[in-house]
Amino acid sequence: MTESAATGLLDTRSHLVKSDLLAGEVALTVWLPPSYESSDAIYPVIYVLDAPMTFAFAAQGALITYFDEAMPEVVVVGVGEPLTSAYQWGVHRARDYSPRPVPDDPSSGHASTFFDALQQEIVPLVDSQYRTKTSDRALWGHSLGGAFAVYALLERGGLFQRVIATSPAAFEQGVQLLDPDAWPPPAASVPASLFTSIGSQDKEYRPGVDWLHDQVRARDYADLRFETVIIPDCGHIGASTFGYLTGLRSVFPDA
């Protein structure tokens, strides 16, 4: 693993991590909260997918929400491919975030491997390098990343306790990506917070989010704090930012 001071956003560190499970490198960017350097406290962690596009906003959003006394201080970890521009889409998004194959990408459908890489390689590395609260991890994903976030909570479970899934792609190209049969049974204890959102103008993904909301509600899980919010006047991409900021307040109700 190599480390360097990140540029462009203060109070950050960058790591390039070799992943055996993914057979490649993962770029991690870590933002540290205001009191980190002057204390010996431990902090909850928010893991952010699609980091080249989302990390700076995620870190600043967490800081602003903390300043507004609506959430605690957190460490923010951006997880992404080592791209050269934020305008690039990750080559392996469909491979890593999709729980099931989609028609136009033969490499897709390997979310289980990406989850294993998070659980076995990435999260342990972060925990070893930073003062993290290992019982309090959050995950934010948007669109296909949002589907992965729900998958991580309900089909794998235990690694993340707070999940923000903005515009989650419950269906993609006619394929149902999430499998309720693999979720905990109805009325089971799911000690976590789950926030989902969708833009009011997002006609393509709205049916899938409605379906997801109904599926989770029907199971009436004990100990699960669950909320779905419609973001007004936003389409699929624009709803990510408003959804994330709203989601922070939803999944950190104990601030």
C-alpha atoms as a PDB file:
ATOM      1  CA  MET A   1       0.000   0.000   0.000  1.00  0.00           C
ATOM      2  CA  THR A   2       1.231   3.473  -0.876  1.00  0.00           C
ATOM      3  CA  GLU A   3       0.098   6.642   0.900  1.00  0.00           C
ATOM      4  CA  SER A   4       0.274  10.311   0.064  1.00  0.00           C
ATOM      5  CA  ALA A   5      -1.350  13.567   1.079  1.00  0.00           C
ATOM      6  CA  ALA A   6      -4.345  14.131  -1.166  1.00  0.00           C
ATOM      7  CA  THR A   7      -4.658  17.354  -3.104  1.00  0.00           C
ATOM      8  CA  GLY A   8      -7.737  19.488  -3.702  1.00  0.00           C
ATOM      9  CA  LEU A   9      -9.529  18.709  -0.418  1.00  0.00           C
ATOM     10  CA  LEU A  10      -8.028  19.537   2.957  1.00  0.00           C
ATOM     11  CA  ASP A  11      -7.616  17.007   5.773  1.00  0.00           C
ATOM     12  CA  THR A  12      -7.456  14.006   3.464  1.00  0.00           C
ATOM     13  CA  ARG A  13      -5.095  11.114   2.792  1.00  0.00           C
ATOM     14  CA  SER A  14      -4.897   8.936  -0.306  1.00  0.00           C
ATOM     15  CA  HIS A  15      -4.054   5.233  -0.483  1.00  0.00           C
ATOM     16  CA  LEU A  16      -3.583   2.915  -3.440  1.00  0.00           C
ATOM     17  CA  VAL A  17      -4.402  -0.596  -2.291  1.00  0.00           C
ATOM     18  CA  LYS A  18      -3.681  -3.843  -4.104  1.00  0.00           C
ATOM     19  CA  SER A  19      -6.707  -6.126  -3.989  1.00  0.00           C
ATOM     20  CA  ASP A  20      -6.131  -9.811  -4.601  1.00  0.00           C
ATOM     21  CA  LEU A  21      -9.868 -10.461  -4.729  1.00  0.00           C
ATOM     22  CA  LEU A  22     -10.458  -7.813  -7.397  1.00  0.00           C
ATOM     23  CA  ALA A  23      -7.183  -8.587  -9.194  1.00  0.00           C
ATOM     24  CA  GLY A  24      -6.294  -4.915  -9.343  1.00  0.00           C
ATOM     25  CA  GLU A  25      -5.863  -1.715  -7.400  1.00  0.00           C
ATOM     26  CA  VAL A  26      -8.400   0.212  -5.357  1.00  0.00           C
ATOM     27  CA  ALA A  27      -8.022   3.938  -4.724  1.00  0.00           C
ATOM     28  CA  LEU A  28      -9.001   5.008  -1.216  1.00  0.00           C
ATOM     29  CA  THR A  29      -9.362   8.619  -0.137  1.00  0.00           C
ATOM     30  CA  VAL A  30      -9.794   9.263   3.579  1.00  0.00           C
ATOM     31  CA  TRP A  31     -11.122  12.490   5.074  1.00  0.00           C
ATOM     32  CA  LEU A  32     -10.500  13.111   8.777  1.00  0.00           C
ATOM     33  CA  PRO A  33     -12.926  15.114  10.944  1.00  0.00           C
ATOM     34  CA  PRO A  34     -12.049  18.339  12.821  1.00  0.00           C
ATOM     35  CA  SER A  35     -11.011  16.834  16.145  1.00  0.00           C
ATOM     36  CA  TYR A  36      -9.144  13.800  14.773  1.00  0.00           C
ATOM     37  CA  GLU A  37      -5.568  15.099  15.075  1.00  0.00           C
ATOM     38  CA  SER A  38      -6.082  16.650  18.513  1.00  0.00           C
ATOM     39  CA  SER A  39      -7.813  13.728  20.238  1.00  0.00           C
ATOM     40  CA  ASP A  40      -7.590   9.998  20.769  1.00  0.00           C
ATOM     41  CA  ALA A  41     -11.301   9.450  20.072  1.00  0.00           C
ATOM     42  CA  ILE A  42     -12.657   6.771  17.763  1.00  0.00           C
ATOM     43  CA  TYR A  43     -15.049   7.715  14.969  1.00  0.00           C
ATOM     44  CA  PRO A  44     -17.846   6.185  12.895  1.00  0.00           C
ATOM     45  CA  VAL A  45     -16.905   5.714   9.244  1.00  0.00           C
ATOM     46  CA  ILE A  46     -18.878   6.483   6.086  1.00  0.00           C
ATOM     47  CA  TYR A  47     -17.759   4.454   3.067  1.00  0.00           C
ATOM     48  CA  VAL A  48     -18.571   6.181  -0.217  1.00  0.00           C
ATOM     49  CA  LEU A  49     -18.823   4.380  -3.555  1.00  0.00           C
ATOM     50  CA  ASP A  50     -17.920   5.958  -6.927  1.00  0.00           C
ATOM     51  CA  ALA A  51     -15.386   8.070  -5.056  1.00  0.00           C
ATOM     52  CA  PRO A  52     -13.857   9.961  -8.006  1.00  0.00           C
ATOM     53  CA  MET A  53     -17.264  11.563  -8.529  1.00  0.00           C
ATOM     54  CA  THR A  54     -18.738  11.612  -5.021  1.00  0.00           C
ATOM     55  CA  PHE A  55     -15.997  11.790  -2.398  1.00  0.00           C
ATOM     56  CA  ALA A  56     -15.431  15.558  -2.130  1.00  0.00           C
ATOM     57  CA  PHE A  57     -19.146  16.236  -1.815  1.00  0.00           C
ATOM     58  CA  ALA A  58     -19.574  13.397   0.680  1.00  0.00           C
ATOM     59  CA  ALA A  59     -16.807  14.710   2.939  1.00  0.00           C
ATOM     60  CA  GLN A  60     -17.950  18.325   2.816  1.00  0.00           C
ATOM     61  CA  GLY A  61     -21.557  17.259   3.294  1.00  0.00           C
ATOM     62  CA  ALA A  62     -20.621  15.316   6.421  1.00  0.00           C
ATOM     63  CA  LEU A  63     -18.690  18.304   7.750  1.00  0.00           C
ATOM     64  CA  ILE A  64     -21.511  20.769   7.110  1.00  0.00           C
ATOM     65  CA  THR A  65     -24.086  18.425   8.646  1.00  0.00           C
ATOM     66  CA  TYR A  66     -21.840  18.005  11.697  1.00  0.00           C
ATOM     67  CA  PHE A  67     -21.473  21.787  12.007  1.00  0.00           C
ATOM     68  CA  ASP A  68     -25.280  21.937  11.934  1.00  0.00           C
ATOM     69  CA  GLU A  69     -25.263  19.537  14.937  1.00  0.00           C
ATOM     70  CA  ALA A  70     -27.272  16.978  12.983  1.00  0.00           C
ATOM     71  CA  MET A  71     -24.693  14.161  13.036  1.00  0.00           C
ATOM     72  CA  PRO A  72     -21.487  13.208  14.872  1.00  0.00           C
ATOM     73  CA  GLU A  73     -17.961  13.645  13.563  1.00  0.00           C
ATOM     74  CA  VAL A  74     -17.097  10.844  11.154  1.00  0.00           C
ATOM     75  CA  VAL A  75     -14.250   9.585   9.034  1.00  0.00           C
ATOM     76  CA  VAL A  76     -15.206   9.462   5.342  1.00  0.00           C
ATOM     77  CA  VAL A  77     -13.595   6.843   3.089  1.00  0.00           C
ATOM     78  CA  GLY A  78     -13.992   7.096  -0.661  1.00  0.00           C
ATOM     79  CA  VAL A  79     -13.692   3.783  -2.513  1.00  0.00           C
ATOM     80  CA  GLY A  80     -13.086   3.855  -6.232  1.00  0.00           C
ATOM     81  CA  GLU A  81     -10.974   2.873  -9.173  1.00  0.00           C
ATOM     82  CA  PRO A  82      -7.688   4.739  -9.767  1.00  0.00           C
ATOM     83  CA  LEU A  83      -9.058   7.011 -12.511  1.00  0.00           C
ATOM     84  CA  THR A  84      -7.437  10.107 -13.944  1.00  0.00           C
ATOM     85  CA  SER A  85     -10.614  12.217 -14.097  1.00  0.00           C
ATOM     86  CA  ALA A  86     -13.842  12.526 -12.136  1.00  0.00           C
ATOM     87  CA  TYR A  87     -15.615  12.594 -15.496  1.00  0.00           C
ATOM     88  CA  GLN A  88     -14.722   8.984 -16.162  1.00  0.00           C
ATOM     89  CA  TRP A  89     -17.178   6.334 -15.098  1.00  0.00           C
ATOM     90  CA  GLY A  90     -15.577   3.383 -13.425  1.00  0.00           C
ATOM     91  CA  VAL A  91     -14.856   0.637 -15.907  1.00  0.00           C
ATOM     92  CA  HIS A  92     -15.825  -1.976 -13.331  1.00  0.00           C
ATOM     93  CA  ARG A  93     -18.994  -0.425 -11.847  1.00  0.00           C
ATOM     94  CA  ALA A  94     -21.304  -3.091 -13.267  1.00  0.00           C
ATOM     95  CA  ARG A  95     -18.863  -5.828 -12.284  1.00  0.00           C
ATOM     96  CA  ASP A  96     -18.485  -4.609  -8.710  1.00  0.00           C
ATOM     97  CA  TYR A  97     -21.890  -3.126  -7.840  1.00  0.00           C
ATOM     98  CA  SER A  98     -24.353  -5.373  -9.662  1.00  0.00           C
ATOM     99  CA  PRO A  99     -25.461  -8.408  -7.643  1.00  0.00           C
ATOM    100  CA  ARG A 100     -26.679 -10.081 -10.835  1.00  0.00           C
ATOM    101  CA  PRO A 101     -25.572  -9.917 -14.479  1.00  0.00           C
ATOM    102  CA  VAL A 102     -27.097  -7.290 -16.751  1.00  0.00           C
ATOM    103  CA  PRO A 103     -27.490  -7.869 -20.502  1.00  0.00           C
ATOM    104  CA  ASP A 104     -25.076  -5.294 -21.932  1.00  0.00           C
ATOM    105  CA  ASP A 105     -22.069  -6.087 -19.737  1.00  0.00           C
ATOM    106  CA  PRO A 106     -20.701  -9.662 -19.670  1.00  0.00           C
ATOM    107  CA  SER A 107     -18.422  -8.773 -16.752  1.00  0.00           C
ATOM    108  CA  SER A 108     -21.309  -7.691 -14.517  1.00  0.00           C
ATOM    109  CA  GLY A 109     -22.867  -9.473 -11.570  1.00  0.00           C
ATOM    110  CA  HIS A 110     -19.939  -9.824  -9.157  1.00  0.00           C
ATOM    111  CA  ALA A 111     -21.107  -7.699  -6.238  1.00  0.00           C
ATOM    112  CA  SER A 112     -20.378 -10.641  -3.949  1.00  0.00           C
ATOM    113  CA  THR A 113     -16.672 -10.422  -4.818  1.00  0.00           C
ATOM    114  CA  PHE A 114     -16.609  -6.670  -4.280  1.00  0.00           C
ATOM    115  CA  PHE A 115     -18.322  -7.123  -0.909  1.00  0.00           C
ATOM    116  CA  ASP A 116     -15.704  -9.718   0.021  1.00  0.00           C
ATOM    117  CA  ALA A 117     -12.969  -7.227  -0.939  1.00  0.00           C
ATOM    118  CA  LEU A 118     -14.551  -4.604   1.301  1.00  0.00           C
ATOM    119  CA  GLN A 119     -14.961  -7.025   4.187  1.00  0.00           C
ATOM    120  CA  GLN A 120     -11.622  -8.823   3.951  1.00  0.00           C
ATOM    121  CA  GLU A 121      -9.213  -6.254   2.480  1.00  0.00           C
ATOM    122  CA  ILE A 122     -10.441  -2.653   2.518  1.00  0.00           C
ATOM    123  CA  VAL A 123     -12.310  -2.244   5.810  1.00  0.00           C
ATOM    124  CA  PRO A 124      -9.628  -4.087   7.863  1.00  0.00           C
ATOM    125  CA  LEU A 125      -6.959  -1.866   6.311  1.00  0.00           C
ATOM    126  CA  VAL A 126      -8.870   1.307   7.203  1.00  0.00           C
ATOM    127  CA  ASP A 127      -9.477   0.020  10.723  1.00  0.00           C
ATOM    128  CA  SER A 128      -5.771  -0.707  11.145  1.00  0.00           C
ATOM    129  CA  GLN A 129      -4.646   2.717   9.914  1.00  0.00           C
ATOM    130  CA  TYR A 130      -7.262   4.994  11.485  1.00  0.00           C
ATOM    131  CA  ARG A 131      -9.132   5.275  14.779  1.00  0.00           C
ATOM    132  CA  THR A 132     -12.458   3.862  13.665  1.00  0.00           C
ATOM    133  CA  LYS A 133     -15.513   2.713  15.565  1.00  0.00           C
ATOM    134  CA  THR A 134     -15.781  -0.790  14.155  1.00  0.00           C
ATOM    135  CA  SER A 135     -19.382  -1.225  15.306  1.00  0.00           C
ATOM    136  CA  ASP A 136     -20.545   1.883  13.465  1.00  0.00           C
ATOM    137  CA  ARG A 137     -20.001   1.881   9.696  1.00  0.00           C
ATOM    138  CA  ALA A 138     -22.142   3.588   7.074  1.00  0.00           C
ATOM    139  CA  LEU A 139     -22.258   3.070   3.306  1.00  0.00           C
ATOM    140  CA  TRP A 140     -23.467   5.476   0.607  1.00  0.00           C
ATOM    141  CA  GLY A 141     -24.106   4.336  -2.938  1.00  0.00           C
ATOM    142  CA  HIS A 142     -26.012   5.909  -5.820  1.00  0.00           C
ATOM    143  CA  SER A 143     -27.914   4.153  -8.626  1.00  0.00           C
ATOM    144  CA  LEU A 144     -26.101   0.859  -9.225  1.00  0.00           C
ATOM    145  CA  GLY A 145     -24.041   1.709  -6.138  1.00  0.00           C
ATOM    146  CA  GLY A 146     -27.317   2.180  -4.260  1.00  0.00           C
ATOM    147  CA  ALA A 147     -28.399  -1.309  -5.255  1.00  0.00           C
ATOM    148  CA  PHE A 148     -25.077  -2.608  -3.950  1.00  0.00           C
ATOM    149  CA  ALA A 149     -25.598  -0.744  -0.665  1.00  0.00           C
ATOM    150  CA  VAL A 150     -28.982  -2.428  -0.142  1.00  0.00           C
ATOM    151  CA  TYR A 151     -27.483  -5.765  -1.154  1.00  0.00           C
ATOM    152  CA  ALA A 152     -24.671  -5.296   1.374  1.00  0.00           C
ATOM    153  CA  LEU A 153     -27.151  -4.632   4.171  1.00  0.00           C
ATOM    154  CA  LEU A 154     -29.887  -7.160   3.456  1.00  0.00           C
ATOM    155  CA  GLU A 155     -28.183  -9.970   1.528  1.00  0.00           C
ATOM    156  CA  ARG A 156     -24.813 -10.002   3.280  1.00  0.00           C
ATOM    157  CA  GLY A 157     -25.434  -8.131   6.527  1.00  0.00           C
ATOM    158  CA  GLY A 158     -23.321  -7.141   9.507  1.00  0.00           C
ATOM    159  CA  LEU A 159     -20.563  -5.053   7.919  1.00  0.00           C
ATOM    160  CA  PHE A 160     -22.559  -1.810   7.724  1.00  0.00           C
ATOM    161  CA  GLN A 161     -25.045  -0.488  10.253  1.00  0.00           C
ATOM    162  CA  ARG A 162     -26.166   2.650   8.370  1.00  0.00           C
ATOM    163  CA  VAL A 163     -26.951   2.617   4.655  1.00  0.00           C
ATOM    164  CA  ILE A 164     -27.831   5.501   2.330  1.00  0.00           C
ATOM    165  CA  ALA A 165     -29.042   4.259  -1.067  1.00  0.00           C
ATOM    166  CA  THR A 166     -29.903   7.164  -3.362  1.00  0.00           C
ATOM    167  CA  SER A 167     -31.859   6.253  -6.501  1.00  0.00           C
ATOM    168  CA  PRO A 168     -30.994   2.567  -6.036  1.00  0.00           C
ATOM    169  CA  ALA A 169     -31.218   0.555  -9.257  1.00  0.00           C
ATOM    170  CA  ALA A 170     -33.387  -2.256  -7.935  1.00  0.00           C
ATOM    171  CA  PHE A 171     -34.001  -3.162 -11.586  1.00  0.00           C
ATOM    172  CA  GLU A 172     -31.528  -2.596 -14.409  1.00  0.00           C
ATOM    173  CA  GLN A 173     -32.288  -3.359 -18.057  1.00  0.00           C
ATOM    174  CA  GLY A 174     -35.240  -5.449 -16.934  1.00  0.00           C
ATOM    175  CA  VAL A 175     -33.169  -7.503 -14.491  1.00  0.00           C
ATOM    176  CA  GLN A 176     -34.162  -7.603 -10.821  1.00  0.00           C
ATOM    177  CA  LEU A 177     -30.852  -7.004  -9.075  1.00  0.00           C
ATOM    178  CA  LEU A 178     -32.017  -7.530  -5.487  1.00  0.00           C
ATOM    179  CA  ASP A 179     -33.288 -10.871  -4.203  1.00  0.00           C
ATOM    180  CA  PRO A 180     -35.738 -10.616  -1.275  1.00  0.00           C
ATOM    181  CA  ASP A 181     -35.560 -14.397  -0.870  1.00  0.00           C
ATOM    182  CA  ALA A 182     -31.955 -13.900   0.295  1.00  0.00           C
ATOM    183  CA  TRP A 183     -32.927 -11.262   2.875  1.00  0.00           C
ATOM    184  CA  PRO A 184     -33.577 -12.005   6.550  1.00  0.00           C
ATOM    185  CA  PRO A 185     -37.036 -13.514   7.087  1.00  0.00           C
ATOM    186  CA  PRO A 186     -39.979 -11.276   8.009  1.00  0.00           C
ATOM    187  CA  ALA A 187     -39.906  -9.815  11.538  1.00  0.00           C
ATOM    188  CA  ALA A 188     -36.233 -10.773  11.979  1.00  0.00           C
ATOM    189  CA  SER A 189     -33.960  -8.372  13.832  1.00  0.00           C
ATOM    190  CA  VAL A 190     -32.024  -6.104  11.470  1.00  0.00           C
ATOM    191  CA  PRO A 191     -30.220  -3.655  13.767  1.00  0.00           C
ATOM    192  CA  ALA A 192     -29.488  -0.937  11.220  1.00  0.00           C
ATOM    193  CA  SER A 193     -30.710   2.248   9.564  1.00  0.00           C
ATOM    194  CA  LEU A 194     -31.664   2.219   5.867  1.00  0.00           C
ATOM    195  CA  PHE A 195     -32.472   5.360   3.882  1.00  0.00           C
ATOM    196  CA  THR A 196     -33.569   5.282   0.257  1.00  0.00           C
ATOM    197  CA  SER A 197     -34.513   8.185  -1.983  1.00  0.00           C
ATOM    198  CA  ILE A 198     -35.543   8.930  -5.548  1.00  0.00           C
ATOM    199  CA  GLY A 199     -35.938  12.102  -7.590  1.00  0.00           C
ATOM    200  CA  SER A 200     -39.500  13.109  -8.392  1.00  0.00           C
ATOM    201  CA  GLN A 201     -38.550  13.382 -12.081  1.00  0.00           C
ATOM    202  CA  ASP A 202     -36.752  10.027 -12.220  1.00  0.00           C
ATOM    203  CA  LYS A 203     -39.309   8.049 -14.210  1.00  0.00           C
ATOM    204  CA  GLU A 204     -36.949   5.192 -15.031  1.00  0.00           C
ATOM    205  CA  TYR A 205     -35.916   4.178 -11.511  1.00  0.00           C
ATOM    206  CA  ARG A 206     -38.988   5.248  -9.522  1.00  0.00           C
ATOM    207  CA  PRO A 207     -40.883   1.933  -9.993  1.00  0.00           C
ATOM    208  CA  GLY A 208     -37.918  -0.029  -8.678  1.00  0.00           C
ATOM    209  CA  VAL A 209     -37.563   2.194  -5.622  1.00  0.00           C
ATOM    210  CA  ASP A 210     -41.300   1.872  -4.924  1.00  0.00           C
ATOM    211  CA  TRP A 211     -40.969  -1.901  -5.232  1.00  0.00           C
ATOM    212  CA  LEU A 212     -37.984  -1.913  -2.881  1.00  0.00           C
ATOM    213  CA  HIS A 213     -39.803   0.241  -0.337  1.00  0.00           C
ATOM    214  CA  ASP A 214     -42.820  -2.094  -0.362  1.00  0.00           C
ATOM    215  CA  GLN A 215     -40.648  -5.208  -0.069  1.00  0.00           C
ATOM    216  CA  VAL A 216     -38.786  -3.888   2.977  1.00  0.00           C
ATOM    217  CA  ARG A 217     -41.926  -2.555   4.661  1.00  0.00           C
ATOM    218  CA  ALA A 218     -43.757  -5.859   4.154  1.00  0.00           C
ATOM    219  CA  ARG A 219     -41.077  -7.691   6.122  1.00  0.00           C
ATOM    220  CA  ASP A 220     -41.601  -5.517   9.187  1.00  0.00           C
ATOM    221  CA  TYR A 221     -38.051  -6.019  10.422  1.00  0.00           C
ATOM    222  CA  ALA A 222     -37.402  -5.488  14.109  1.00  0.00           C
ATOM    223  CA  ASP A 223     -34.745  -2.896  14.942  1.00  0.00           C
ATOM    224  CA  LEU A 224     -34.576  -1.515  11.376  1.00  0.00           C
ATOM    225  CA  ARG A 225     -34.990   2.237  11.019  1.00  0.00           C
ATOM    226  CA  PHE A 226     -36.221   2.654   7.436  1.00  0.00           C
ATOM    227  CA  GLU A 227     -37.192   5.747   5.478  1.00  0.00           C
ATOM    228  CA  THR A 228     -37.815   6.555   1.820  1.00  0.00           C
ATOM    229  CA  VAL A 229     -37.873  10.168   0.621  1.00  0.00           C
ATOM    230  CA  ILE A 230     -38.925  11.672  -2.707  1.00  0.00           C
ATOM    231  CA  ILE A 231     -36.526  14.453  -3.694  1.00  0.00           C
ATOM    232  CA  PRO A 232     -38.566  17.188  -5.447  1.00  0.00           C
ATOM    233  CA  ASP A 233     -37.638  18.622  -8.840  1.00  0.00           C
ATOM    234  CA  CYS A 234     -34.697  16.261  -9.385  1.00  0.00           C
ATOM    235  CA  GLY A 235     -33.830  13.617 -11.917  1.00  0.00           C
ATOM    236  CA  HIS A 236     -31.711  10.529 -11.477  1.00  0.00           C
ATOM    237  CA  ILE A 237     -28.290  12.136 -11.088  1.00  0.00           C
ATOM    238  CA  GLY A 238     -29.244  15.394  -9.383  1.00  0.00           C
ATOM    239  CA  ALA A 239     -31.119  13.574  -6.630  1.00  0.00           C
ATOM    240  CA  SER A 240     -27.876  12.023  -5.413  1.00  0.00           C
ATOM    241  CA  THR A 241     -26.654  15.140  -3.612  1.00  0.00           C
ATOM    242  CA  PHE A 242     -29.934  16.104  -1.970  1.00  0.00           C
ATOM    243  CA  GLY A 243     -30.570  12.463  -1.123  1.00  0.00           C
ATOM    244  CA  TYR A 244     -27.187  12.061   0.541  1.00  0.00           C
ATOM    245  CA  LEU A 245     -27.586  15.146   2.736  1.00  0.00           C
ATOM    246  CA  THR A 246     -31.099  14.081   3.720  1.00  0.00           C
ATOM    247  CA  GLY A 247     -29.896  10.538   4.278  1.00  0.00           C
ATOM    248  CA  LEU A 248     -27.178  11.638   6.713  1.00  0.00           C
ATOM    249  CA  ARG A 249     -29.810  13.107   8.992  1.00  0.00           C
ATOM    250  CA  SER A 250     -31.956  10.004   8.637  1.00  0.00           C
ATOM    251  CA  VAL A 251     -29.350   7.354   9.423  1.00  0.00           C
ATOM    252  CA  PHE A 252     -27.703   9.351  12.233  1.00  0.00           C
ATOM    253  CA  PRO A 253     -30.815  10.088  14.332  1.00  0.00           C
ATOM    254  CA  ASP A 254     -28.814   9.793  17.538  1.00  0.00           C
ATOM    255  CA  ALA A 255     -26.510  12.766  16.817  1.00  0.00           C
END
